[in-house]
């Protein structure tokens, strides 16, 4: 039981630290993508600086748009009712059980 508590604590701490680092990296990337730099009051904007992370962020955004567009096309293609693949059943029985479920 103590071992599980230890690993639960280690996982929680690792998750919090990782979450904070990812958020900080996201803020840095979004600040480098905005034309005026950082929009926070009291912090000077850095402007558009062509960096590797900004290019990677742009490509990630484009990829995400492509995936969403593909998912939408797939959803629209699947919206038609699907025909049954089995032959019709010619037996004379009720498909529902006697208890009505």
PDB file of N, CA and C in Angstrom:
ATOM      1  N   UNK A   1       0.822  -1.186   0.000  1.00  0.00           N
ATOM      2  CA  UNK A   1       0.000   0.000   0.000  1.00  0.00           C
ATOM      3  C   UNK A   1       0.876   1.264   0.000  1.00  0.00           C
ATOM      4  N   UNK A   2       1.964   1.245   0.758  1.00  0.00           N
ATOM      5  CA  UNK A   2       2.858   2.397   0.813  1.00  0.00           C
ATOM      6  C   UNK A   2       3.530   2.600  -0.542  1.00  0.00           C
ATOM      7  N   UNK A   3       3.865   1.500  -1.201  1.00  0.00           N
ATOM      8  CA  UNK A   3       4.509   1.584  -2.514  1.00  0.00           C
ATOM      9  C   UNK A   3       3.561   2.260  -3.516  1.00  0.00           C
ATOM     10  N   UNK A   4       2.291   1.911  -3.459  1.00  0.00           N
ATOM     11  CA  UNK A   4       1.319   2.535  -4.367  1.00  0.00           C
ATOM     12  C   UNK A   4       1.184   4.032  -4.093  1.00  0.00           C
ATOM     13  N   UNK A   5       1.175   4.389  -2.832  1.00  0.00           N
ATOM     14  CA  UNK A   5       1.111   5.803  -2.474  1.00  0.00           C
ATOM     15  C   UNK A   5       2.327   6.569  -2.962  1.00  0.00           C
ATOM     16  N   UNK A   6       3.495   5.932  -2.851  1.00  0.00           N
ATOM     17  CA  UNK A   6       4.724   6.556  -3.339  1.00  0.00           C
ATOM     18  C   UNK A   6       4.630   6.818  -4.836  1.00  0.00           C
ATOM     19  N   UNK A   7       4.239   5.798  -5.608  1.00  0.00           N
ATOM     20  CA  UNK A   7       4.176   5.967  -7.066  1.00  0.00           C
ATOM     21  C   UNK A   7       3.057   6.921  -7.472  1.00  0.00           C
ATOM     22  N   UNK A   8       1.973   6.955  -6.707  1.00  0.00           N
ATOM     23  CA  UNK A   8       0.918   7.931  -6.980  1.00  0.00           C
ATOM     24  C   UNK A   8       1.454   9.347  -6.792  1.00  0.00           C
ATOM     25  N   UNK A   9       2.215   9.567  -5.721  1.00  0.00           N
ATOM     26  CA  UNK A   9       2.801  10.881  -5.463  1.00  0.00           C
ATOM     27  C   UNK A   9       3.820  11.245  -6.537  1.00  0.00           C
ATOM     28  N   UNK A  10       4.677  10.291  -6.907  1.00  0.00           N
ATOM     29  CA  UNK A  10       5.675  10.555  -7.954  1.00  0.00           C
ATOM     30  C   UNK A  10       4.968  10.909  -9.269  1.00  0.00           C
ATOM     31  N   UNK A  11       3.929  10.177  -9.607  1.00  0.00           N
ATOM     32  CA  UNK A  11       3.178  10.461 -10.838  1.00  0.00           C
ATOM     33  C   UNK A  11       2.520  11.823 -10.809  1.00  0.00           C
ATOM     34  N   UNK A  12       1.936  12.196  -9.672  1.00  0.00           N
ATOM     35  CA  UNK A  12       1.283  13.499  -9.561  1.00  0.00           C
ATOM     36  C   UNK A  12       2.294  14.634  -9.691  1.00  0.00           C
ATOM     37  N   UNK A  13       3.429  14.509  -9.001  1.00  0.00           N
ATOM     38  CA  UNK A  13       4.455  15.550  -9.070  1.00  0.00           C
ATOM     39  C   UNK A  13       5.007  15.662 -10.488  1.00  0.00           C
ATOM     40  N   UNK A  14       5.290  14.526 -11.115  1.00  0.00           N
ATOM     41  CA  UNK A  14       5.800  14.532 -12.481  1.00  0.00           C
ATOM     42  C   UNK A  14       4.787  15.156 -13.443  1.00  0.00           C
ATOM     43  N   UNK A  15       3.527  14.830 -13.266  1.00  0.00           N
ATOM     44  CA  UNK A  15       2.483  15.399 -14.117  1.00  0.00           C
ATOM     45  C   UNK A  15       2.368  16.902 -13.963  1.00  0.00           C
ATOM     46  N   UNK A  16       2.441  17.393 -12.741  1.00  0.00           N
ATOM     47  CA  UNK A  16       2.344  18.832 -12.502  1.00  0.00           C
ATOM     48  C   UNK A  16       3.541  19.562 -13.099  1.00  0.00           C
ATOM     49  N   UNK A  17       4.730  19.022 -12.892  1.00  0.00           N
ATOM     50  CA  UNK A  17       5.933  19.662 -13.447  1.00  0.00           C
ATOM     51  C   UNK A  17       5.877  19.655 -14.972  1.00  0.00           C
ATOM     52  N   UNK A  18       5.496  18.520 -15.552  1.00  0.00           N
ATOM     53  CA  UNK A  18       5.385  18.439 -17.007  1.00  0.00           C
ATOM     54  C   UNK A  18       4.343  19.387 -17.558  1.00  0.00           C
ATOM     55  N   UNK A  19       3.196  19.483 -16.887  1.00  0.00           N
ATOM     56  CA  UNK A  19       2.136  20.383 -17.324  1.00  0.00           C
ATOM     57  C   UNK A  19       2.616  21.834 -17.308  1.00  0.00           C
ATOM     58  N   UNK A  20       3.305  22.226 -16.261  1.00  0.00           N
ATOM     59  CA  UNK A  20       3.798  23.602 -16.177  1.00  0.00           C
ATOM     60  C   UNK A  20       4.822  23.908 -17.267  1.00  0.00           C
ATOM     61  N   UNK A  21       5.688  22.949 -17.566  1.00  0.00           N
ATOM     62  CA  UNK A  21       6.688  23.167 -18.619  1.00  0.00           C
ATOM     63  C   UNK A  21       6.033  23.270 -19.987  1.00  0.00           C
ATOM     64  N   UNK A  22       5.050  22.421 -20.252  1.00  0.00           N
ATOM     65  CA  UNK A  22       4.351  22.476 -21.539  1.00  0.00           C
ATOM     66  C   UNK A  22       3.589  23.793 -21.681  1.00  0.00           C
ATOM     67  N   UNK A  23       2.959  24.242 -20.612  1.00  0.00           N
ATOM     68  CA  UNK A  23       2.243  25.525 -20.662  1.00  0.00           C
ATOM     69  C   UNK A  23       3.202  26.685 -20.915  1.00  0.00           C
ATOM     70  N   UNK A  24       4.352  26.657 -20.254  1.00  0.00           N
ATOM     71  CA  UNK A  24       5.336  27.729 -20.460  1.00  0.00           C
ATOM     72  C   UNK A  24       5.845  27.715 -21.897  1.00  0.00           C
ATOM     73  N   UNK A  25       6.112  26.530 -22.431  1.00  0.00           N
ATOM     74  CA  UNK A  25       6.564  26.440 -23.824  1.00  0.00           C
ATOM     75  C   UNK A  25       5.468  26.927 -24.771  1.00  0.00           C
ATOM     76  N   UNK A  26       4.223  26.592 -24.486  1.00  0.00           N
ATOM     77  CA  UNK A  26       3.111  27.061 -25.313  1.00  0.00           C
ATOM     78  C   UNK A  26       2.976  28.571 -25.294  1.00  0.00           C
ATOM     79  N   UNK A  27       3.165  29.165 -24.128  1.00  0.00           N
ATOM     80  CA  UNK A  27       3.106  30.634 -24.049  1.00  0.00           C
ATOM     81  C   UNK A  27       4.233  31.273 -24.847  1.00  0.00           C
ATOM     82  N   UNK A  28       5.433  30.686 -24.772  1.00  0.00           N
ATOM     83  CA  UNK A  28       6.555  31.232 -25.545  1.00  0.00           C
ATOM     84  C   UNK A  28       6.292  31.120 -27.046  1.00  0.00           C
ATOM     85  N   UNK A  29       5.770  29.986 -27.466  1.00  0.00           N
ATOM     86  CA  UNK A  29       5.502  29.787 -28.900  1.00  0.00           C
ATOM     87  C   UNK A  29       4.397  30.711 -29.368  1.00  0.00           C
ATOM     88  N   UNK A  30       3.315  30.825 -28.591  1.00  0.00           N
ATOM     89  CA  UNK A  30       2.217  31.691 -29.019  1.00  0.00           C
ATOM     90  C   UNK A  30       2.641  33.156 -29.042  1.00  0.00           C
ATOM     91  N   UNK A  31       3.540  33.543 -28.141  1.00  0.00           N
ATOM     92  CA  UNK A  31       4.030  34.924 -28.155  1.00  0.00           C
ATOM     93  C   UNK A  31       4.881  35.181 -29.392  1.00  0.00           C
ATOM     94  N   UNK A  32       5.611  34.174 -29.841  1.00  0.00           N
ATOM     95  CA  UNK A  32       6.443  34.366 -31.024  1.00  0.00           C
ATOM     96  C   UNK A  32       5.617  34.341 -32.305  1.00  0.00           C
ATOM     97  N   UNK A  33       4.417  33.789 -32.266  1.00  0.00           N
ATOM     98  CA  UNK A  33       3.562  33.739 -33.456  1.00  0.00           C
ATOM     99  C   UNK A  33       2.701  34.986 -33.621  1.00  0.00           C
ATOM    100  N   UNK A  34       2.393  35.666 -32.533  1.00  0.00           N
ATOM    101  CA  UNK A  34       1.529  36.841 -32.635  1.00  0.00           C
ATOM    102  C   UNK A  34       2.320  38.007 -33.233  1.00  0.00           C
ATOM    103  N   UNK A  35       1.693  38.810 -34.117  1.00  0.00           N
ATOM    104  CA  UNK A  35       2.409  39.890 -34.785  1.00  0.00           C
ATOM    105  C   UNK A  35       2.950  40.953 -33.837  1.00  0.00           C
ATOM    106  N   UNK A  36       2.243  41.203 -32.741  1.00  0.00           N
ATOM    107  CA  UNK A  36       2.675  42.255 -31.831  1.00  0.00           C
ATOM    108  C   UNK A  36       3.483  41.702 -30.667  1.00  0.00           C
ATOM    109  N   UNK A  37       3.769  40.418 -30.692  1.00  0.00           N
ATOM    110  CA  UNK A  37       4.505  39.825 -29.584  1.00  0.00           C
ATOM    111  C   UNK A  37       3.572  39.534 -28.434  1.00  0.00           C
ATOM    112  N   UNK A  38       4.072  39.665 -27.236  1.00  0.00           N
ATOM    113  CA  UNK A  38       3.295  39.381 -26.048  1.00  0.00           C
ATOM    114  C   UNK A  38       2.259  40.475 -25.826  1.00  0.00           C
ATOM    115  N   UNK A  39       1.039  40.066 -25.526  1.00  0.00           N
ATOM    116  CA  UNK A  39      -0.038  41.027 -25.324  1.00  0.00           C
ATOM    117  C   UNK A  39      -0.245  41.328 -23.843  1.00  0.00           C
ATOM    118  N   UNK A  40       0.613  40.838 -22.974  1.00  0.00           N
ATOM    119  CA  UNK A  40       0.463  41.098 -21.552  1.00  0.00           C
ATOM    120  C   UNK A  40       0.923  42.518 -21.241  1.00  0.00           C
ATOM    121  N   UNK A  41       0.180  43.231 -20.389  1.00  0.00           N
ATOM    122  CA  UNK A  41       0.600  44.588 -20.053  1.00  0.00           C
ATOM    123  C   UNK A  41       1.892  44.566 -19.247  1.00  0.00           C
ATOM    124  N   UNK A  42       2.763  45.503 -19.540  1.00  0.00           N
ATOM    125  CA  UNK A  42       4.008  45.605 -18.806  1.00  0.00           C
ATOM    126  C   UNK A  42       5.133  44.776 -19.372  1.00  0.00           C
ATOM    127  N   UNK A  43       4.856  43.973 -20.389  1.00  0.00           N
ATOM    128  CA  UNK A  43       5.910  43.159 -21.010  1.00  0.00           C
ATOM    129  C   UNK A  43       6.091  43.604 -22.443  1.00  0.00           C
ATOM    130  N   UNK A  44       7.269  43.934 -22.830  1.00  0.00           N
ATOM    131  CA  UNK A  44       7.479  44.375 -24.212  1.00  0.00           C
ATOM    132  C   UNK A  44       7.295  43.226 -25.187  1.00  0.00           C
ATOM    133  N   UNK A  45       6.722  43.523 -26.350  1.00  0.00           N
ATOM    134  CA  UNK A  45       6.535  42.511 -27.376  1.00  0.00           C
ATOM    135  C   UNK A  45       7.828  42.225 -28.107  1.00  0.00           C
ATOM    136  N   UNK A  46       7.975  40.990 -28.528  1.00  0.00           N
ATOM    137  CA  UNK A  46       9.192  40.607 -29.221  1.00  0.00           C
ATOM    138  C   UNK A  46       9.021  40.663 -30.735  1.00  0.00           C
ATOM    139  N   UNK A  47       7.784  40.811 -31.197  1.00  0.00           N
ATOM    140  CA  UNK A  47       7.560  40.861 -32.638  1.00  0.00           C
ATOM    141  C   UNK A  47       7.687  39.491 -33.263  1.00  0.00           C
ATOM    142  N   UNK A  48       7.668  39.445 -34.581  1.00  0.00           N
ATOM    143  CA  UNK A  48       7.786  38.184 -35.296  1.00  0.00           C
ATOM    144  C   UNK A  48       9.255  37.818 -35.443  1.00  0.00           C
ATOM    145  N   UNK A  49       9.665  36.812 -34.757  1.00  0.00           N
ATOM    146  CA  UNK A  49      11.034  36.336 -34.856  1.00  0.00           C
ATOM    147  C   UNK A  49      10.998  34.955 -35.495  1.00  0.00           C
ATOM    148  N   UNK A  50      11.619  34.819 -36.646  1.00  0.00           N
ATOM    149  CA  UNK A  50      11.599  33.501 -37.282  1.00  0.00           C
ATOM    150  C   UNK A  50      12.471  32.518 -36.508  1.00  0.00           C
ATOM    151  N   UNK A  51      11.841  31.669 -35.743  1.00  0.00           N
ATOM    152  CA  UNK A  51      12.562  30.673 -34.971  1.00  0.00           C
ATOM    153  C   UNK A  51      12.104  29.292 -35.394  1.00  0.00           C
ATOM    154  N   UNK A  52      12.861  28.329 -34.996  1.00  0.00           N
ATOM    155  CA  UNK A  52      12.508  26.953 -35.340  1.00  0.00           C
ATOM    156  C   UNK A  52      11.207  26.552 -34.657  1.00  0.00           C
ATOM    157  N   UNK A  53      10.999  26.976 -33.415  1.00  0.00           N
ATOM    158  CA  UNK A  53       9.783  26.603 -32.693  1.00  0.00           C
ATOM    159  C   UNK A  53       8.555  27.249 -33.323  1.00  0.00           C
ATOM    160  N   UNK A  54       8.701  28.467 -33.852  1.00  0.00           N
ATOM    161  CA  UNK A  54       7.560  29.114 -34.508  1.00  0.00           C
ATOM    162  C   UNK A  54       7.186  28.362 -35.779  1.00  0.00           C
ATOM    163  N   UNK A  55       8.190  27.940 -36.545  1.00  0.00           N
ATOM    164  CA  UNK A  55       7.913  27.163 -37.750  1.00  0.00           C
ATOM    165  C   UNK A  55       7.272  25.827 -37.415  1.00  0.00           C
ATOM    166  N   UNK A  56       7.747  25.203 -36.345  1.00  0.00           N
ATOM    167  CA  UNK A  56       7.175  23.938 -35.908  1.00  0.00           C
ATOM    168  C   UNK A  56       5.733  24.134 -35.453  1.00  0.00           C
ATOM    169  N   UNK A  57       5.465  25.219 -34.755  1.00  0.00           N
ATOM    170  CA  UNK A  57       4.105  25.502 -34.305  1.00  0.00           C
ATOM    171  C   UNK A  57       3.187  25.730 -35.504  1.00  0.00           C
ATOM    172  N   UNK A  58       3.658  26.491 -36.504  1.00  0.00           N
ATOM    173  CA  UNK A  58       2.850  26.721 -37.701  1.00  0.00           C
ATOM    174  C   UNK A  58       2.523  25.408 -38.416  1.00  0.00           C
ATOM    175  N   UNK A  59       3.521  24.547 -38.548  1.00  0.00           N
ATOM    176  CA  UNK A  59       3.306  23.261 -39.209  1.00  0.00           C
ATOM    177  C   UNK A  59       2.351  22.388 -38.405  1.00  0.00           C
ATOM    178  N   UNK A  60       2.447  22.462 -37.091  1.00  0.00           N
ATOM    179  CA  UNK A  60       1.529  21.701 -36.247  1.00  0.00           C
ATOM    180  C   UNK A  60       0.103  22.194 -36.423  1.00  0.00           C
ATOM    181  N   UNK A  61      -0.074  23.505 -36.500  1.00  0.00           N
ATOM    182  CA  UNK A  61      -1.408  24.075 -36.704  1.00  0.00           C
ATOM    183  C   UNK A  61      -1.955  23.644 -38.064  1.00  0.00           C
ATOM    184  N   UNK A  62      -1.129  23.689 -39.095  1.00  0.00           N
ATOM    185  CA  UNK A  62      -1.571  23.251 -40.430  1.00  0.00           C
ATOM    186  C   UNK A  62      -1.945  21.772 -40.422  1.00  0.00           C
ATOM    187  N   UNK A  63      -1.128  20.961 -39.766  1.00  0.00           N
ATOM    188  CA  UNK A  63      -1.425  19.532 -39.692  1.00  0.00           C
ATOM    189  C   UNK A  63      -2.744  19.299 -38.969  1.00  0.00           C
ATOM    190  N   UNK A  64      -2.975  20.024 -37.881  1.00  0.00           N
ATOM    191  CA  UNK A  64      -4.224  19.877 -37.129  1.00  0.00           C
ATOM    192  C   UNK A  64      -5.413  20.247 -38.000  1.00  0.00           C
ATOM    193  N   UNK A  65      -5.292  21.322 -38.774  1.00  0.00           N
ATOM    194  CA  UNK A  65      -6.390  21.702 -39.686  1.00  0.00           C
ATOM    195  C   UNK A  65      -6.650  20.606 -40.707  1.00  0.00           C
ATOM    196  N   UNK A  66      -5.577  20.032 -41.262  1.00  0.00           N
ATOM    197  CA  UNK A  66      -5.742  18.963 -42.241  1.00  0.00           C
ATOM    198  C   UNK A  66      -6.439  17.748 -41.630  1.00  0.00           C
ATOM    199  N   UNK A  67      -6.054  17.403 -40.409  1.00  0.00           N
ATOM    200  CA  UNK A  67      -6.672  16.262 -39.744  1.00  0.00           C
ATOM    201  C   UNK A  67      -8.150  16.533 -39.491  1.00  0.00           C
ATOM    202  N   UNK A  68      -8.467  17.737 -39.033  1.00  0.00           N
ATOM    203  CA  UNK A  68      -9.875  18.068 -38.785  1.00  0.00           C
ATOM    204  C   UNK A  68     -10.683  18.040 -40.071  1.00  0.00           C
ATOM    205  N   UNK A  69     -10.102  18.554 -41.158  1.00  0.00           N
ATOM    206  CA  UNK A  69     -10.793  18.523 -42.441  1.00  0.00           C
ATOM    207  C   UNK A  69     -11.014  17.084 -42.891  1.00  0.00           C
ATOM    208  N   UNK A  70     -10.007  16.244 -42.728  1.00  0.00           N
ATOM    209  CA  UNK A  70     -10.147  14.837 -43.083  1.00  0.00           C
ATOM    210  C   UNK A  70     -11.193  14.132 -42.243  1.00  0.00           C
ATOM    211  N   UNK A  71     -11.245  14.446 -40.956  1.00  0.00           N
ATOM    212  CA  UNK A  71     -12.251  13.851 -40.086  1.00  0.00           C
ATOM    213  C   UNK A  71     -13.649  14.283 -40.504  1.00  0.00           C
ATOM    214  N   UNK A  72     -13.791  15.546 -40.887  1.00  0.00           N
ATOM    215  CA  UNK A  72     -15.092  16.044 -41.332  1.00  0.00           C
ATOM    216  C   UNK A  72     -15.514  15.344 -42.622  1.00  0.00           C
ATOM    217  N   UNK A  73     -14.580  15.174 -43.561  1.00  0.00           N
ATOM    218  CA  UNK A  73     -14.902  14.458 -44.796  1.00  0.00           C
ATOM    219  C   UNK A  73     -15.284  13.003 -44.502  1.00  0.00           C
ATOM    220  N   UNK A  74     -14.587  12.379 -43.596  1.00  0.00           N
ATOM    221  CA  UNK A  74     -14.904  11.004 -43.219  1.00  0.00           C
ATOM    222  C   UNK A  74     -16.290  10.933 -42.589  1.00  0.00           C
ATOM    223  N   UNK A  75     -16.579  11.884 -41.699  1.00  0.00           N
ATOM    224  CA  UNK A  75     -17.886  11.890 -41.040  1.00  0.00           C
ATOM    225  C   UNK A  75     -19.005  12.090 -42.056  1.00  0.00           C
ATOM    226  N   UNK A  76     -18.801  12.992 -43.004  1.00  0.00           N
ATOM    227  CA  UNK A  76     -19.822  13.225 -44.023  1.00  0.00           C
ATOM    228  C   UNK A  76     -19.997  12.005 -44.912  1.00  0.00           C
ATOM    229  N   UNK A  77     -18.912  11.313 -45.208  1.00  0.00           N
ATOM    230  CA  UNK A  77     -19.007  10.109 -46.022  1.00  0.00           C
ATOM    231  C   UNK A  77     -19.687   8.961 -45.304  1.00  0.00           C
ATOM    232  N   UNK A  78     -19.592   8.940 -43.986  1.00  0.00           N
ATOM    233  CA  UNK A  78     -20.199   7.867 -43.200  1.00  0.00           C
ATOM    234  C   UNK A  78     -21.607   8.200 -42.756  1.00  0.00           C
ATOM    235  N   UNK A  79     -22.132   9.367 -43.100  1.00  0.00           N
ATOM    236  CA  UNK A  79     -23.449   9.759 -42.600  1.00  0.00           C
ATOM    237  C   UNK A  79     -24.579   9.015 -43.295  1.00  0.00           C
ATOM    238  N   UNK A  80     -24.344   8.429 -44.472  1.00  0.00           N
ATOM    239  CA  UNK A  80     -25.372   7.664 -45.155  1.00  0.00           C
ATOM    240  C   UNK A  80     -25.627   6.377 -44.374  1.00  0.00           C
ATOM    241  N   UNK A  81     -26.893   5.944 -44.321  1.00  0.00           N
ATOM    242  CA  UNK A  81     -27.176   4.707 -43.588  1.00  0.00           C
ATOM    243  C   UNK A  81     -26.477   3.517 -44.250  1.00  0.00           C
ATOM    244  N   UNK A  82     -25.979   2.655 -43.428  1.00  0.00           N
ATOM    245  CA  UNK A  82     -25.255   1.494 -43.913  1.00  0.00           C
ATOM    246  C   UNK A  82     -26.252   0.375 -44.206  1.00  0.00           C
ATOM    247  N   UNK A  83     -26.117  -0.250 -45.369  1.00  0.00           N
ATOM    248  CA  UNK A  83     -26.998  -1.368 -45.710  1.00  0.00           C
ATOM    249  C   UNK A  83     -26.609  -2.580 -44.890  1.00  0.00           C
ATOM    250  N   UNK A  84     -27.578  -3.412 -44.539  1.00  0.00           N
ATOM    251  CA  UNK A  84     -27.228  -4.635 -43.820  1.00  0.00           C
ATOM    252  C   UNK A  84     -26.439  -5.571 -44.732  1.00  0.00           C
ATOM    253  N   UNK A  85     -25.476  -6.251 -44.176  1.00  0.00           N
ATOM    254  CA  UNK A  85     -24.649  -7.156 -44.968  1.00  0.00           C
ATOM    255  C   UNK A  85     -25.152  -8.585 -44.925  1.00  0.00           C
ATOM    256  N   UNK A  86     -25.998  -8.896 -43.969  1.00  0.00           N
ATOM    257  CA  UNK A  86     -26.540 -10.245 -43.868  1.00  0.00           C
ATOM    258  C   UNK A  86     -27.827 -10.342 -44.676  1.00  0.00           C
ATOM    259  N   UNK A  87     -28.144 -11.524 -45.184  1.00  0.00           N
ATOM    260  CA  UNK A  87     -29.403 -11.683 -45.907  1.00  0.00           C
ATOM    261  C   UNK A  87     -30.567 -11.548 -44.933  1.00  0.00           C
ATOM    262  N   UNK A  88     -31.752 -11.187 -45.447  1.00  0.00           N
ATOM    263  CA  UNK A  88     -32.906 -11.039 -44.548  1.00  0.00           C
ATOM    264  C   UNK A  88     -33.259 -12.372 -43.891  1.00  0.00           C
ATOM    265  N   UNK A  89     -33.697 -12.267 -42.662  1.00  0.00           N
ATOM    266  CA  UNK A  89     -34.062 -13.455 -41.889  1.00  0.00           C
ATOM    267  C   UNK A  89     -35.515 -13.785 -42.186  1.00  0.00           C
ATOM    268  N   UNK A  90     -35.807 -15.000 -42.664  1.00  0.00           N
ATOM    269  CA  UNK A  90     -37.165 -15.382 -43.056  1.00  0.00           C
ATOM    270  C   UNK A  90     -37.906 -16.137 -41.972  1.00  0.00           C
ATOM    271  N   UNK A  91     -37.398 -16.166 -40.770  1.00  0.00           N
ATOM    272  CA  UNK A  91     -38.091 -16.896 -39.702  1.00  0.00           C
ATOM    273  C   UNK A  91     -39.209 -16.041 -39.142  1.00  0.00           C
ATOM    274  N   UNK A  92     -40.194 -16.682 -38.581  1.00  0.00           N
ATOM    275  CA  UNK A  92     -41.359 -15.984 -38.004  1.00  0.00           C
ATOM    276  C   UNK A  92     -41.208 -15.909 -36.486  1.00  0.00           C
ATOM    277  N   UNK A  93     -40.311 -15.105 -36.026  1.00  0.00           N
ATOM    278  CA  UNK A  93     -40.183 -14.925 -34.587  1.00  0.00           C
ATOM    279  C   UNK A  93     -40.021 -13.438 -34.290  1.00  0.00           C
ATOM    280  N   UNK A  94     -40.381 -13.102 -33.058  1.00  0.00           N
ATOM    281  CA  UNK A  94     -40.265 -11.719 -32.612  1.00  0.00           C
ATOM    282  C   UNK A  94     -38.828 -11.458 -32.210  1.00  0.00           C
ATOM    283  N   UNK A  95     -38.259 -10.343 -32.695  1.00  0.00           N
ATOM    284  CA  UNK A  95     -36.858 -10.034 -32.408  1.00  0.00           C
ATOM    285  C   UNK A  95     -36.672  -9.634 -30.945  1.00  0.00           C
ATOM    286  N   UNK A  96     -37.760  -9.188 -30.308  1.00  0.00           N
ATOM    287  CA  UNK A  96     -37.653  -8.794 -28.905  1.00  0.00           C
ATOM    288  C   UNK A  96     -37.947  -9.970 -27.990  1.00  0.00           C
ATOM    289  N   UNK A  97     -37.267 -10.070 -26.859  1.00  0.00           N
ATOM    290  CA  UNK A  97     -37.582 -11.135 -25.901  1.00  0.00           C
ATOM    291  C   UNK A  97     -38.954 -10.892 -25.282  1.00  0.00           C
ATOM    292  N   UNK A  98     -39.473 -11.897 -24.595  1.00  0.00           N
ATOM    293  CA  UNK A  98     -40.814 -11.807 -24.023  1.00  0.00           C
ATOM    294  C   UNK A  98     -40.923 -10.759 -22.927  1.00  0.00           C
ATOM    295  N   UNK A  99     -39.829 -10.457 -22.234  1.00  0.00           N
ATOM    296  CA  UNK A  99     -39.912  -9.492 -21.143  1.00  0.00           C
ATOM    297  C   UNK A  99     -39.956  -8.059 -21.634  1.00  0.00           C
ATOM    298  N   UNK A 100     -39.859  -7.812 -22.954  1.00  0.00           N
ATOM    299  CA  UNK A 100     -40.041  -6.497 -23.518  1.00  0.00           C
ATOM    300  C   UNK A 100     -38.784  -5.670 -23.608  1.00  0.00           C
ATOM    301  N   UNK A 101     -37.662  -6.213 -23.312  1.00  0.00           N
ATOM    302  CA  UNK A 101     -36.421  -5.448 -23.387  1.00  0.00           C
ATOM    303  C   UNK A 101     -35.857  -5.445 -24.761  1.00  0.00           C
TER     304      UNK A 101
END
